[in-house]
PDB file of N, CA and C in Angstrom:
ATOM      1  N   UNK A   1      31.247   3.172 -28.849  1.00  0.00           N
ATOM      2  CA  UNK A   1      30.195   3.804 -27.862  1.00  0.00           C
ATOM      3  C   UNK A   1      30.228   5.076 -28.450  1.00  0.00           C
ATOM      4  N   UNK A   2      28.943   5.428 -28.643  1.00  0.00           N
ATOM      5  CA  UNK A   2      28.587   6.674 -29.323  1.00  0.00           C
ATOM      6  C   UNK A   2      27.938   8.014 -28.125  1.00  0.00           C
ATOM      7  N   UNK A   3      28.709   8.723 -28.555  1.00  0.00           N
ATOM      8  CA  UNK A   3      27.486   9.535 -27.635  1.00  0.00           C
ATOM      9  C   UNK A   3      26.254  10.428 -28.188  1.00  0.00           C
ATOM     10  N   UNK A   4      25.232  10.404 -27.198  1.00  0.00           N
ATOM     11  CA  UNK A   4      23.940  10.322 -27.690  1.00  0.00           C
ATOM     12  C   UNK A   4      23.736  12.020 -28.000  1.00  0.00           C
ATOM     13  N   UNK A   5      22.701  12.702 -28.658  1.00  0.00           N
ATOM     14  CA  UNK A   5      22.803  13.908 -28.749  1.00  0.00           C
ATOM     15  C   UNK A   5      22.322  14.564 -27.891  1.00  0.00           C
ATOM     16  N   UNK A   6      22.106  15.492 -27.056  1.00  0.00           N
ATOM     17  CA  UNK A   6      21.070  16.345 -26.134  1.00  0.00           C
ATOM     18  C   UNK A   6      19.742  16.293 -26.725  1.00  0.00           C
ATOM     19  N   UNK A   7      19.082  16.328 -25.804  1.00  0.00           N
ATOM     20  CA  UNK A   7      17.510  16.450 -25.822  1.00  0.00           C
ATOM     21  C   UNK A   7      17.043  17.804 -26.432  1.00  0.00           C
ATOM     22  N   UNK A   8      16.151  17.968 -27.448  1.00  0.00           N
ATOM     23  CA  UNK A   8      15.666  18.985 -27.738  1.00  0.00           C
ATOM     24  C   UNK A   8      14.256  19.571 -26.895  1.00  0.00           C
ATOM     25  N   UNK A   9      13.980  20.302 -26.638  1.00  0.00           N
ATOM     26  CA  UNK A   9      12.971  20.868 -26.001  1.00  0.00           C
ATOM     27  C   UNK A   9      13.080  21.371 -24.709  1.00  0.00           C
ATOM     28  N   UNK A  10      11.537  21.828 -24.490  1.00  0.00           N
ATOM     29  CA  UNK A  10      11.346  22.142 -23.067  1.00  0.00           C
ATOM     30  C   UNK A  10      11.828  21.241 -22.054  1.00  0.00           C
ATOM     31  N   UNK A  11      12.051  21.543 -20.744  1.00  0.00           N
ATOM     32  CA  UNK A  11      12.451  21.107 -19.661  1.00  0.00           C
ATOM     33  C   UNK A  11      11.722  19.722 -19.383  1.00  0.00           C
ATOM     34  N   UNK A  12      10.293  20.290 -18.625  1.00  0.00           N
ATOM     35  CA  UNK A  12       9.233  19.626 -18.784  1.00  0.00           C
ATOM     36  C   UNK A  12       9.257  18.175 -20.018  1.00  0.00           C
ATOM     37  N   UNK A  13       9.569  18.351 -21.371  1.00  0.00           N
ATOM     38  CA  UNK A  13       9.465  17.335 -22.238  1.00  0.00           C
ATOM     39  C   UNK A  13      10.427  16.531 -21.910  1.00  0.00           C
ATOM     40  N   UNK A  14      11.713  16.743 -21.783  1.00  0.00           N
ATOM     41  CA  UNK A  14      12.965  15.931 -21.617  1.00  0.00           C
ATOM     42  C   UNK A  14      12.916  15.472 -20.298  1.00  0.00           C
ATOM     43  N   UNK A  15      12.230  15.377 -19.304  1.00  0.00           N
ATOM     44  CA  UNK A  15      11.506  14.933 -18.383  1.00  0.00           C
ATOM     45  C   UNK A  15      10.691  14.048 -18.576  1.00  0.00           C
ATOM     46  N   UNK A  16       9.449  14.231 -19.457  1.00  0.00           N
ATOM     47  CA  UNK A  16       8.480  12.863 -19.943  1.00  0.00           C
ATOM     48  C   UNK A  16       9.283  11.954 -20.739  1.00  0.00           C
ATOM     49  N   UNK A  17      10.021  12.556 -21.637  1.00  0.00           N
ATOM     50  CA  UNK A  17      11.049  11.754 -22.554  1.00  0.00           C
ATOM     51  C   UNK A  17      12.067  10.364 -21.615  1.00  0.00           C
ATOM     52  N   UNK A  18      12.447  10.961 -20.962  1.00  0.00           N
ATOM     53  CA  UNK A  18      13.146  10.206 -19.834  1.00  0.00           C
ATOM     54  C   UNK A  18      12.319   9.378 -18.635  1.00  0.00           C
ATOM     55  N   UNK A  19      11.685   9.749 -18.413  1.00  0.00           N
ATOM     56  CA  UNK A  19      10.860   9.129 -17.728  1.00  0.00           C
ATOM     57  C   UNK A  19      10.132   7.900 -18.398  1.00  0.00           C
ATOM     58  N   UNK A  20       9.707   8.049 -19.409  1.00  0.00           N
ATOM     59  CA  UNK A  20       9.039   6.783 -20.499  1.00  0.00           C
ATOM     60  C   UNK A  20      10.143   6.346 -20.694  1.00  0.00           C
ATOM     61  N   UNK A  21      11.594   6.280 -21.172  1.00  0.00           N
ATOM     62  CA  UNK A  21      12.650   5.416 -20.944  1.00  0.00           C
ATOM     63  C   UNK A  21      12.906   4.663 -19.962  1.00  0.00           C
ATOM     64  N   UNK A  22      12.762   5.271 -19.200  1.00  0.00           N
ATOM     65  CA  UNK A  22      13.358   4.611 -17.588  1.00  0.00           C
ATOM     66  C   UNK A  22      12.074   3.501 -17.808  1.00  0.00           C
ATOM     67  N   UNK A  23      10.469   4.055 -17.857  1.00  0.00           N
ATOM     68  CA  UNK A  23       9.378   2.970 -17.478  1.00  0.00           C
ATOM     69  C   UNK A  23       9.876   2.344 -18.525  1.00  0.00           C
ATOM     70  N   UNK A  24       9.886   2.226 -19.933  1.00  0.00           N
ATOM     71  CA  UNK A  24       9.803   1.092 -20.704  1.00  0.00           C
ATOM     72  C   UNK A  24      10.815   0.062 -19.899  1.00  0.00           C
ATOM     73  N   UNK A  25      11.857   0.472 -19.546  1.00  0.00           N
ATOM     74  CA  UNK A  25      13.156  -0.177 -19.280  1.00  0.00           C
ATOM     75  C   UNK A  25      12.776  -1.241 -18.052  1.00  0.00           C
ATOM     76  N   UNK A  26      11.586  -0.798 -17.322  1.00  0.00           N
ATOM     77  CA  UNK A  26      11.354  -1.728 -16.228  1.00  0.00           C
ATOM     78  C   UNK A  26      10.434  -2.565 -16.356  1.00  0.00           C
ATOM     79  N   UNK A  27       9.935  -4.182 -15.831  1.00  0.00           N
ATOM     80  CA  UNK A  27       9.673  -4.512 -16.184  1.00  0.00           C
ATOM     81  C   UNK A  27       8.679  -5.204 -14.937  1.00  0.00           C
ATOM     82  N   UNK A  28       7.228  -5.308 -15.550  1.00  0.00           N
ATOM     83  CA  UNK A  28       6.197  -4.891 -14.240  1.00  0.00           C
ATOM     84  C   UNK A  28       6.252  -6.338 -13.754  1.00  0.00           C
ATOM     85  N   UNK A  29       6.397  -6.643 -12.726  1.00  0.00           N
ATOM     86  CA  UNK A  29       6.526  -8.021 -11.967  1.00  0.00           C
ATOM     87  C   UNK A  29       5.277  -8.320 -10.987  1.00  0.00           C
ATOM     88  N   UNK A  30       5.167  -9.212 -10.475  1.00  0.00           N
ATOM     89  CA  UNK A  30       3.969  -9.255  -9.549  1.00  0.00           C
ATOM     90  C   UNK A  30       4.919  -8.751  -7.926  1.00  0.00           C
ATOM     91  N   UNK A  31       6.368  -8.681  -7.885  1.00  0.00           N
ATOM     92  CA  UNK A  31       6.751  -8.407  -6.919  1.00  0.00           C
ATOM     93  C   UNK A  31       7.373  -7.064  -6.814  1.00  0.00           C
ATOM     94  N   UNK A  32       6.939  -6.254  -7.526  1.00  0.00           N
ATOM     95  CA  UNK A  32       7.216  -4.965  -7.926  1.00  0.00           C
ATOM     96  C   UNK A  32       5.689  -4.506  -7.360  1.00  0.00           C
ATOM     97  N   UNK A  33       4.987  -4.922  -8.268  1.00  0.00           N
ATOM     98  CA  UNK A  33       3.323  -4.268  -7.437  1.00  0.00           C
ATOM     99  C   UNK A  33       3.260  -4.514  -6.072  1.00  0.00           C
ATOM    100  N   UNK A  34       3.266  -5.725  -5.640  1.00  0.00           N
ATOM    101  CA  UNK A  34       3.582  -5.987  -4.210  1.00  0.00           C
ATOM    102  C   UNK A  34       4.310  -5.242  -3.350  1.00  0.00           C
ATOM    103  N   UNK A  35       5.783  -4.500  -3.925  1.00  0.00           N
ATOM    104  CA  UNK A  35       6.854  -3.598  -3.240  1.00  0.00           C
ATOM    105  C   UNK A  35       5.600  -2.402  -3.654  1.00  0.00           C
ATOM    106  N   UNK A  36       5.759  -1.860  -4.443  1.00  0.00           N
ATOM    107  CA  UNK A  36       4.725  -0.534  -4.582  1.00  0.00           C
ATOM    108  C   UNK A  36       3.374  -0.395  -3.451  1.00  0.00           C
ATOM    109  N   UNK A  37       2.669  -1.412  -3.083  1.00  0.00           N
ATOM    110  CA  UNK A  37       1.732  -1.278  -2.122  1.00  0.00           C
ATOM    111  C   UNK A  37       2.381  -1.344  -1.059  1.00  0.00           C
ATOM    112  N   UNK A  38       3.408  -2.323  -0.927  1.00  0.00           N
ATOM    113  CA  UNK A  38       3.841  -2.265   0.922  1.00  0.00           C
ATOM    114  C   UNK A  38       4.413  -0.681   0.883  1.00  0.00           C
ATOM    115  N   UNK A  39       4.966   0.132   0.241  1.00  0.00           N
ATOM    116  CA  UNK A  39       5.793   1.296   0.376  1.00  0.00           C
ATOM    117  C   UNK A  39       4.556   2.155   0.964  1.00  0.00           C
ATOM    118  N   UNK A  40       3.258   2.100  -0.113  1.00  0.00           N
ATOM    119  CA  UNK A  40       1.915   2.504   0.411  1.00  0.00           C
ATOM    120  C   UNK A  40       1.412   2.987   1.334  1.00  0.00           C
ATOM    121  N   UNK A  41       1.563   1.554   1.705  1.00  0.00           N
ATOM    122  CA  UNK A  41       0.991   1.261   3.348  1.00  0.00           C
ATOM    123  C   UNK A  41       1.797   1.595   4.464  1.00  0.00           C
ATOM    124  N   UNK A  42       3.162   1.302   4.163  1.00  0.00           N
ATOM    125  CA  UNK A  42       3.924   2.325   5.449  1.00  0.00           C
ATOM    126  C   UNK A  42       3.937   4.023   5.430  1.00  0.00           C
ATOM    127  N   UNK A  43       3.711   4.135   4.197  1.00  0.00           N
ATOM    128  CA  UNK A  43       3.177   6.004   4.512  1.00  0.00           C
ATOM    129  C   UNK A  43       2.672   6.193   4.801  1.00  0.00           C
ATOM    130  N   UNK A  44       1.077   5.117   4.460  1.00  0.00           N
ATOM    131  CA  UNK A  44      -0.463   5.498   5.248  1.00  0.00           C
ATOM    132  C   UNK A  44      -0.207   5.334   6.558  1.00  0.00           C
ATOM    133  N   UNK A  45       0.525   3.901   6.912  1.00  0.00           N
ATOM    134  CA  UNK A  45       0.187   3.449   8.670  1.00  0.00           C
ATOM    135  C   UNK A  45       1.284   4.859   9.329  1.00  0.00           C
ATOM    136  N   UNK A  46       2.265   4.942   8.816  1.00  0.00           N
ATOM    137  CA  UNK A  46       3.087   6.546   9.262  1.00  0.00           C
ATOM    138  C   UNK A  46       2.304   7.928   9.476  1.00  0.00           C
ATOM    139  N   UNK A  47       1.275   7.797   8.574  1.00  0.00           N
ATOM    140  CA  UNK A  47       0.836   9.064   8.657  1.00  0.00           C
ATOM    141  C   UNK A  47      -0.380   8.953   9.779  1.00  0.00           C
ATOM    142  N   UNK A  48      -0.916   7.789   9.941  1.00  0.00           N
ATOM    143  CA  UNK A  48      -2.067   7.687  10.823  1.00  0.00           C
ATOM    144  C   UNK A  48      -3.334   8.334  10.306  1.00  0.00           C
ATOM    145  N   UNK A  49      -3.500   8.488   9.366  1.00  0.00           N
ATOM    146  CA  UNK A  49      -4.634   8.565   8.742  1.00  0.00           C
ATOM    147  C   UNK A  49      -5.585   7.637   8.481  1.00  0.00           C
ATOM    148  N   UNK A  50      -6.789   7.430   8.552  1.00  0.00           N
ATOM    149  CA  UNK A  50      -7.801   6.426   8.176  1.00  0.00           C
ATOM    150  C   UNK A  50      -7.980   7.007   6.933  1.00  0.00           C
ATOM    151  N   UNK A  51      -7.665   5.603   5.691  1.00  0.00           N
ATOM    152  CA  UNK A  51      -8.116   6.003   4.364  1.00  0.00           C
ATOM    153  C   UNK A  51      -9.048   6.158   4.110  1.00  0.00           C
ATOM    154  N   UNK A  52     -10.218   4.880   4.737  1.00  0.00           N
ATOM    155  CA  UNK A  52     -12.069   4.731   4.717  1.00  0.00           C
ATOM    156  C   UNK A  52     -12.881   5.264   5.841  1.00  0.00           C
ATOM    157  N   UNK A  53     -13.277   6.501   5.082  1.00  0.00           N
ATOM    158  CA  UNK A  53     -14.123   7.058   6.129  1.00  0.00           C
ATOM    159  C   UNK A  53     -15.344   6.202   6.655  1.00  0.00           C
ATOM    160  N   UNK A  54     -15.805   6.470   7.375  1.00  0.00           N
ATOM    161  CA  UNK A  54     -16.905   6.057   8.170  1.00  0.00           C
ATOM    162  C   UNK A  54     -18.373   5.992   6.963  1.00  0.00           C
ATOM    163  N   UNK A  55     -18.395   6.514   6.198  1.00  0.00           N
ATOM    164  CA  UNK A  55     -19.377   5.866   5.120  1.00  0.00           C
ATOM    165  C   UNK A  55     -19.126   4.601   4.534  1.00  0.00           C
ATOM    166  N   UNK A  56     -17.871   4.757   3.998  1.00  0.00           N
ATOM    167  CA  UNK A  56     -17.059   3.498   3.322  1.00  0.00           C
ATOM    168  C   UNK A  56     -17.108   2.374   3.867  1.00  0.00           C
ATOM    169  N   UNK A  57     -16.578   2.449   5.116  1.00  0.00           N
ATOM    170  CA  UNK A  57     -16.820   1.391   5.879  1.00  0.00           C
ATOM    171  C   UNK A  57     -17.970   0.616   6.236  1.00  0.00           C
ATOM    172  N   UNK A  58     -18.630   1.485   6.527  1.00  0.00           N
ATOM    173  CA  UNK A  58     -20.289   1.389   6.262  1.00  0.00           C
ATOM    174  C   UNK A  58     -20.631   0.714   5.535  1.00  0.00           C
ATOM    175  N   UNK A  59     -20.852   0.956   4.128  1.00  0.00           N
ATOM    176  CA  UNK A  59     -20.748   0.430   2.833  1.00  0.00           C
ATOM    177  C   UNK A  59     -19.967  -0.747   2.835  1.00  0.00           C
ATOM    178  N   UNK A  60     -18.652  -0.835   3.078  1.00  0.00           N
ATOM    179  CA  UNK A  60     -18.364  -2.333   2.923  1.00  0.00           C
ATOM    180  C   UNK A  60     -18.865  -3.534   4.152  1.00  0.00           C
ATOM    181  N   UNK A  61     -19.197  -3.317   4.955  1.00  0.00           N
ATOM    182  CA  UNK A  61     -20.040  -4.021   6.106  1.00  0.00           C
ATOM    183  C   UNK A  61     -18.649  -4.348   7.280  1.00  0.00           C
ATOM    184  N   UNK A  62     -17.736  -3.207   7.055  1.00  0.00           N
ATOM    185  CA  UNK A  62     -17.011  -3.841   8.376  1.00  0.00           C
ATOM    186  C   UNK A  62     -17.698  -3.553   9.774  1.00  0.00           C
ATOM    187  N   UNK A  63     -17.248  -4.258  10.679  1.00  0.00           N
ATOM    188  CA  UNK A  63     -17.849  -4.466  12.284  1.00  0.00           C
ATOM    189  C   UNK A  63     -17.092  -3.178  12.770  1.00  0.00           C
ATOM    190  N   UNK A  64     -17.518  -2.821  13.685  1.00  0.00           N
ATOM    191  CA  UNK A  64     -16.554  -1.535  14.398  1.00  0.00           C
ATOM    192  C   UNK A  64     -15.197  -1.996  14.801  1.00  0.00           C
ATOM    193  N   UNK A  65     -14.988  -3.182  15.232  1.00  0.00           N
ATOM    194  CA  UNK A  65     -13.215  -3.613  15.602  1.00  0.00           C
ATOM    195  C   UNK A  65     -12.758  -3.738  14.242  1.00  0.00           C
ATOM    196  N   UNK A  66     -13.460  -3.700  13.322  1.00  0.00           N
ATOM    197  CA  UNK A  66     -12.137  -4.127  11.981  1.00  0.00           C
ATOM    198  C   UNK A  66     -11.813  -2.541  11.524  1.00  0.00           C
ATOM    199  N   UNK A  67     -12.319  -1.574  12.212  1.00  0.00           N
ATOM    200  CA  UNK A  67     -12.440  -0.119  11.298  1.00  0.00           C
ATOM    201  C   UNK A  67     -11.308   0.174  12.115  1.00  0.00           C
ATOM    202  N   UNK A  68      -9.907   0.132  11.339  1.00  0.00           N
ATOM    203  CA  UNK A  68      -8.753   0.477  11.734  1.00  0.00           C
ATOM    204  C   UNK A  68      -7.982   1.271  11.141  1.00  0.00           C
ATOM    205  N   UNK A  69      -7.016   1.684  10.770  1.00  0.00           N
ATOM    206  CA  UNK A  69      -5.357   2.007   9.314  1.00  0.00           C
ATOM    207  C   UNK A  69      -6.184   1.171   8.451  1.00  0.00           C
ATOM    208  N   UNK A  70      -6.279  -0.137   8.577  1.00  0.00           N
ATOM    209  CA  UNK A  70      -6.037  -0.758   7.861  1.00  0.00           C
ATOM    210  C   UNK A  70      -7.581  -1.222   7.264  1.00  0.00           C
ATOM    211  N   UNK A  71      -8.720  -0.503   7.160  1.00  0.00           N
ATOM    212  CA  UNK A  71      -9.391  -0.696   6.464  1.00  0.00           C
ATOM    213  C   UNK A  71      -9.963  -0.742   5.035  1.00  0.00           C
ATOM    214  N   UNK A  72      -8.851   0.493   4.773  1.00  0.00           N
ATOM    215  CA  UNK A  72      -8.809   0.516   3.352  1.00  0.00           C
ATOM    216  C   UNK A  72      -8.391  -0.268   2.421  1.00  0.00           C
ATOM    217  N   UNK A  73      -8.037  -1.411   2.999  1.00  0.00           N
ATOM    218  CA  UNK A  73      -7.401  -3.018   2.504  1.00  0.00           C
ATOM    219  C   UNK A  73      -8.063  -3.896   2.451  1.00  0.00           C
ATOM    220  N   UNK A  74      -8.844  -3.560   3.682  1.00  0.00           N
ATOM    221  CA  UNK A  74      -9.884  -4.872   3.887  1.00  0.00           C
ATOM    222  C   UNK A  74     -11.178  -4.719   3.361  1.00  0.00           C
ATOM    223  N   UNK A  75     -11.678  -3.429   2.752  1.00  0.00           N
ATOM    224  CA  UNK A  75     -12.785  -3.556   1.973  1.00  0.00           C
ATOM    225  C   UNK A  75     -12.379  -4.568   0.817  1.00  0.00           C
ATOM    226  N   UNK A  76     -11.866  -3.722  -0.323  1.00  0.00           N
ATOM    227  CA  UNK A  76     -11.766  -4.835  -1.460  1.00  0.00           C
ATOM    228  C   UNK A  76     -11.045  -6.205  -0.987  1.00  0.00           C
ATOM    229  N   UNK A  77     -10.667  -6.740   0.154  1.00  0.00           N
ATOM    230  CA  UNK A  77     -10.124  -8.039   0.183  1.00  0.00           C
ATOM    231  C   UNK A  77     -11.750  -8.756   0.346  1.00  0.00           C
ATOM    232  N   UNK A  78     -12.618  -8.126   1.138  1.00  0.00           N
ATOM    233  CA  UNK A  78     -13.876  -8.951   1.521  1.00  0.00           C
ATOM    234  C   UNK A  78     -14.765  -8.929   0.393  1.00  0.00           C
ATOM    235  N   UNK A  79     -14.510  -7.941  -0.749  1.00  0.00           N
ATOM    236  CA  UNK A  79     -15.335  -8.013  -1.547  1.00  0.00           C
ATOM    237  C   UNK A  79     -14.947  -8.957  -2.988  1.00  0.00           C
ATOM    238  N   UNK A  80     -13.263  -9.277  -2.701  1.00  0.00           N
ATOM    239  CA  UNK A  80     -12.920 -10.518  -3.310  1.00  0.00           C
ATOM    240  C   UNK A  80     -13.339 -11.739  -2.274  1.00  0.00           C
ATOM    241  N   UNK A  81     -13.394 -12.068  -1.670  1.00  0.00           N
ATOM    242  CA  UNK A  81     -13.350 -13.019  -1.138  1.00  0.00           C
ATOM    243  C   UNK A  81     -14.954 -13.643  -1.174  1.00  0.00           C
ATOM    244  N   UNK A  82     -15.875 -12.588  -1.369  1.00  0.00           N
ATOM    245  CA  UNK A  82     -17.070 -13.113  -1.387  1.00  0.00           C
ATOM    246  C   UNK A  82     -17.618 -13.334  -3.348  1.00  0.00           C
ATOM    247  N   UNK A  83     -16.810 -12.799  -4.029  1.00  0.00           N
ATOM    248  CA  UNK A  83     -17.047 -13.251  -5.243  1.00  0.00           C
ATOM    249  C   UNK A  83     -16.447 -14.558  -5.434  1.00  0.00           C
ATOM    250  N   UNK A  84     -15.042 -14.632  -4.762  1.00  0.00           N
ATOM    251  CA  UNK A  84     -14.594 -16.155  -5.203  1.00  0.00           C
ATOM    252  C   UNK A  84     -15.216 -17.031  -4.366  1.00  0.00           C
ATOM    253  N   UNK A  85     -16.222 -16.791  -3.490  1.00  0.00           N
ATOM    254  CA  UNK A  85     -16.550 -17.867  -2.317  1.00  0.00           C
ATOM    255  C   UNK A  85     -15.759 -18.243  -1.933  1.00  0.00           C
ATOM    256  N   UNK A  86     -14.940 -17.541  -1.247  1.00  0.00           N
ATOM    257  CA  UNK A  86     -13.708 -17.850  -0.036  1.00  0.00           C
ATOM    258  C   UNK A  86     -12.312 -18.235  -0.414  1.00  0.00           C
ATOM    259  N   UNK A  87     -12.305 -19.032  -1.758  1.00  0.00           N
ATOM    260  CA  UNK A  87     -11.864 -19.785  -2.228  1.00  0.00           C
ATOM    261  C   UNK A  87     -10.114 -19.445  -1.623  1.00  0.00           C
ATOM    262  N   UNK A  88      -9.473 -20.210  -0.706  1.00  0.00           N
ATOM    263  CA  UNK A  88      -8.123 -19.842  -0.185  1.00  0.00           C
ATOM    264  C   UNK A  88      -6.705 -19.644  -1.231  1.00  0.00           C
ATOM    265  N   UNK A  89      -6.885 -20.148  -2.510  1.00  0.00           N
ATOM    266  CA  UNK A  89      -5.657 -19.493  -3.377  1.00  0.00           C
ATOM    267  C   UNK A  89      -6.171 -17.897  -4.089  1.00  0.00           C
ATOM    268  N   UNK A  90      -7.528 -17.653  -3.778  1.00  0.00           N
ATOM    269  CA  UNK A  90      -7.912 -16.755  -4.858  1.00  0.00           C
ATOM    270  C   UNK A  90      -7.012 -15.284  -3.737  1.00  0.00           C
ATOM    271  N   UNK A  91      -7.445 -13.993  -4.487  1.00  0.00           N
ATOM    272  CA  UNK A  91      -7.485 -12.763  -3.438  1.00  0.00           C
ATOM    273  C   UNK A  91      -5.719 -12.581  -2.437  1.00  0.00           C
ATOM    274  N   UNK A  92      -4.906 -13.310  -2.640  1.00  0.00           N
ATOM    275  CA  UNK A  92      -3.628 -13.557  -2.416  1.00  0.00           C
ATOM    276  C   UNK A  92      -2.670 -12.392  -2.121  1.00  0.00           C
ATOM    277  N   UNK A  93      -2.716 -11.746  -2.893  1.00  0.00           N
ATOM    278  CA  UNK A  93      -2.188 -10.006  -3.304  1.00  0.00           C
ATOM    279  C   UNK A  93      -2.912  -9.165  -1.957  1.00  0.00           C
ATOM    280  N   UNK A  94      -4.602  -9.129  -2.395  1.00  0.00           N
ATOM    281  CA  UNK A  94      -4.992  -8.447  -1.086  1.00  0.00           C
ATOM    282  C   UNK A  94      -5.361  -8.951   0.157  1.00  0.00           C
ATOM    283  N   UNK A  95      -4.838 -10.088   0.677  1.00  0.00           N
ATOM    284  CA  UNK A  95      -4.987 -10.637   1.861  1.00  0.00           C
ATOM    285  C   UNK A  95      -3.322 -10.539   2.411  1.00  0.00           C
ATOM    286  N   UNK A  96      -2.487 -10.372   1.442  1.00  0.00           N
ATOM    287  CA  UNK A  96      -1.151 -10.245   1.724  1.00  0.00           C
ATOM    288  C   UNK A  96      -1.330  -8.566   2.382  1.00  0.00           C
ATOM    289  N   UNK A  97      -1.566  -7.846   1.342  1.00  0.00           N
ATOM    290  CA  UNK A  97      -1.163  -6.720   1.550  1.00  0.00           C
ATOM    291  C   UNK A  97      -2.005  -6.336   2.890  1.00  0.00           C
ATOM    292  N   UNK A  98      -3.202  -6.528   3.413  1.00  0.00           N
ATOM    293  CA  UNK A  98      -4.068  -6.446   4.482  1.00  0.00           C
ATOM    294  C   UNK A  98      -3.355  -7.138   5.535  1.00  0.00           C
ATOM    295  N   UNK A  99      -2.684  -8.240   5.549  1.00  0.00           N
ATOM    296  CA  UNK A  99      -2.034  -8.633   6.722  1.00  0.00           C
ATOM    297  C   UNK A  99      -0.434  -7.809   6.615  1.00  0.00           C
ATOM    298  N   UNK A 100      -0.048  -7.395   5.992  1.00  0.00           N
ATOM    299  CA  UNK A 100       1.200  -6.828   6.106  1.00  0.00           C
ATOM    300  C   UNK A 100       0.895  -5.218   6.711  1.00  0.00           C
ATOM    301  N   UNK A 101      -0.395  -4.606   6.435  1.00  0.00           N
ATOM    302  CA  UNK A 101      -0.592  -3.430   7.333  1.00  0.00           C
ATOM    303  C   UNK A 101      -0.924  -3.775   8.543  1.00  0.00           C
ATOM    304  N   UNK A 102      -1.626  -4.808   9.098  1.00  0.00           N
ATOM    305  CA  UNK A 102      -2.099  -4.702  10.595  1.00  0.00           C
ATOM    306  C   UNK A 102      -0.657  -5.305  11.034  1.00  0.00           C
ATOM    307  N   UNK A 103       0.561  -5.758  10.391  1.00  0.00           N
ATOM    308  CA  UNK A 103       1.687  -5.990  11.382  1.00  0.00           C
ATOM    309  C   UNK A 103       2.222  -4.880  11.114  1.00  0.00           C
ATOM    310  N   UNK A 104       2.336  -3.802  10.258  1.00  0.00           N
ATOM    311  CA  UNK A 104       2.990  -2.772  10.565  1.00  0.00           C
ATOM    312  C   UNK A 104       1.967  -1.895  11.526  1.00  0.00           C
ATOM    313  N   UNK A 105       1.285  -2.056  11.796  1.00  0.00           N
ATOM    314  CA  UNK A 105       0.381  -1.407  12.750  1.00  0.00           C
ATOM    315  C   UNK A 105       0.711  -1.877  14.401  1.00  0.00           C
ATOM    316  N   UNK A 106       0.559  -3.380  14.295  1.00  0.00           N
ATOM    317  CA  UNK A 106       1.421  -4.007  15.287  1.00  0.00           C
ATOM    318  C   UNK A 106       2.815  -3.468  16.134  1.00  0.00           C
ATOM    319  N   UNK A 107       3.418  -3.323  14.806  1.00  0.00           N
ATOM    320  CA  UNK A 107       4.795  -2.867  15.244  1.00  0.00           C
ATOM    321  C   UNK A 107       4.880  -1.665  15.776  1.00  0.00           C
ATOM    322  N   UNK A 108       4.333  -0.685  15.143  1.00  0.00           N
ATOM    323  CA  UNK A 108       4.131   0.531  15.305  1.00  0.00           C
ATOM    324  C   UNK A 108       3.519   0.414  17.096  1.00  0.00           C
ATOM    325  N   UNK A 109       2.731   0.155  17.370  1.00  0.00           N
ATOM    326  CA  UNK A 109       1.793  -0.064  18.953  1.00  0.00           C
ATOM    327  C   UNK A 109       2.807  -0.871  19.967  1.00  0.00           C
ATOM    328  N   UNK A 110       3.855  -1.822  19.273  1.00  0.00           N
ATOM    329  CA  UNK A 110       5.041  -2.437  20.301  1.00  0.00           C
ATOM    330  C   UNK A 110       5.460  -0.935  20.649  1.00  0.00           C
ATOM    331  N   UNK A 111       6.354  -0.505  19.238  1.00  0.00           N
ATOM    332  CA  UNK A 111       7.109   0.840  19.704  1.00  0.00           C
ATOM    333  C   UNK A 111       6.622   1.657  20.925  1.00  0.00           C
ATOM    334  N   UNK A 112       5.127   1.899  20.298  1.00  0.00           N
ATOM    335  CA  UNK A 112       4.473   3.111  21.626  1.00  0.00           C
ATOM    336  C   UNK A 112       4.649   2.404  22.941  1.00  0.00           C
ATOM    337  N   UNK A 113       4.527   1.179  22.817  1.00  0.00           N
ATOM    338  CA  UNK A 113       4.476   0.697  24.257  1.00  0.00           C
ATOM    339  C   UNK A 113       5.765   0.496  25.317  1.00  0.00           C
ATOM    340  N   UNK A 114       6.555   0.268  24.350  1.00  0.00           N
ATOM    341  CA  UNK A 114       8.286   0.240  24.860  1.00  0.00           C
ATOM    342  C   UNK A 114       8.999   1.273  25.630  1.00  0.00           C
ATOM    343  N   UNK A 115       8.431   2.672  24.248  1.00  0.00           N
ATOM    344  CA  UNK A 115       8.087   4.003  24.952  1.00  0.00           C
ATOM    345  C   UNK A 115       7.835   4.412  25.959  1.00  0.00           C
ATOM    346  N   UNK A 116       6.694   3.852  26.135  1.00  0.00           N
ATOM    347  CA  UNK A 116       6.001   4.091  27.790  1.00  0.00           C
ATOM    348  C   UNK A 116       6.055   3.307  28.785  1.00  0.00           C
ATOM    349  N   UNK A 117       7.070   2.280  28.646  1.00  0.00           N
ATOM    350  CA  UNK A 117       7.631   1.445  29.611  1.00  0.00           C
ATOM    351  C   UNK A 117       8.730   2.316  29.848  1.00  0.00           C
ATOM    352  N   UNK A 118       9.669   2.973  29.164  1.00  0.00           N
ATOM    353  CA  UNK A 118      10.740   3.029  29.499  1.00  0.00           C
ATOM    354  C   UNK A 118      10.763   4.475  30.148  1.00  0.00           C
ATOM    355  N   UNK A 119       9.237   5.404  29.829  1.00  0.00           N
ATOM    356  CA  UNK A 119       8.904   6.766  30.574  1.00  0.00           C
ATOM    357  C   UNK A 119       8.534   6.473  31.644  1.00  0.00           C
ATOM    358  N   UNK A 120       7.699   5.206  31.906  1.00  0.00           N
ATOM    359  CA  UNK A 120       7.561   5.049  33.444  1.00  0.00           C
ATOM    360  C   UNK A 120       8.357   4.200  34.597  1.00  0.00           C
ATOM    361  N   UNK A 121       9.233   4.125  33.804  1.00  0.00           N
ATOM    362  CA  UNK A 121      10.305   3.646  34.766  1.00  0.00           C
ATOM    363  C   UNK A 121      11.501   4.227  35.367  1.00  0.00           C
TER     364      UNK A 121
END
């Protein structure tokens, strides 16, 4: 086992080189992209911010009932559905991300309800 020579250059250059080496070792798979989207959904839902502002939601054709914290995922899902003529085997990644976001919101509401029940008893 040979010992590697220390990297020469500034700290920023070393960081860039090491991140490039690490990223070249990782394989991009559908599972990794889904996992990345799920972590961004969790961060987004926990922060409680609506990503799609009113103009984007109106332009996306969303009804008032669909304008929740997951609307930013519903807009591209609806666009994909219309482009593929609602083929059920298409747009599965978008649909899965949207359903996961809705499930996270559901869990959040249930936790709030449990806390409310405990506080009132």
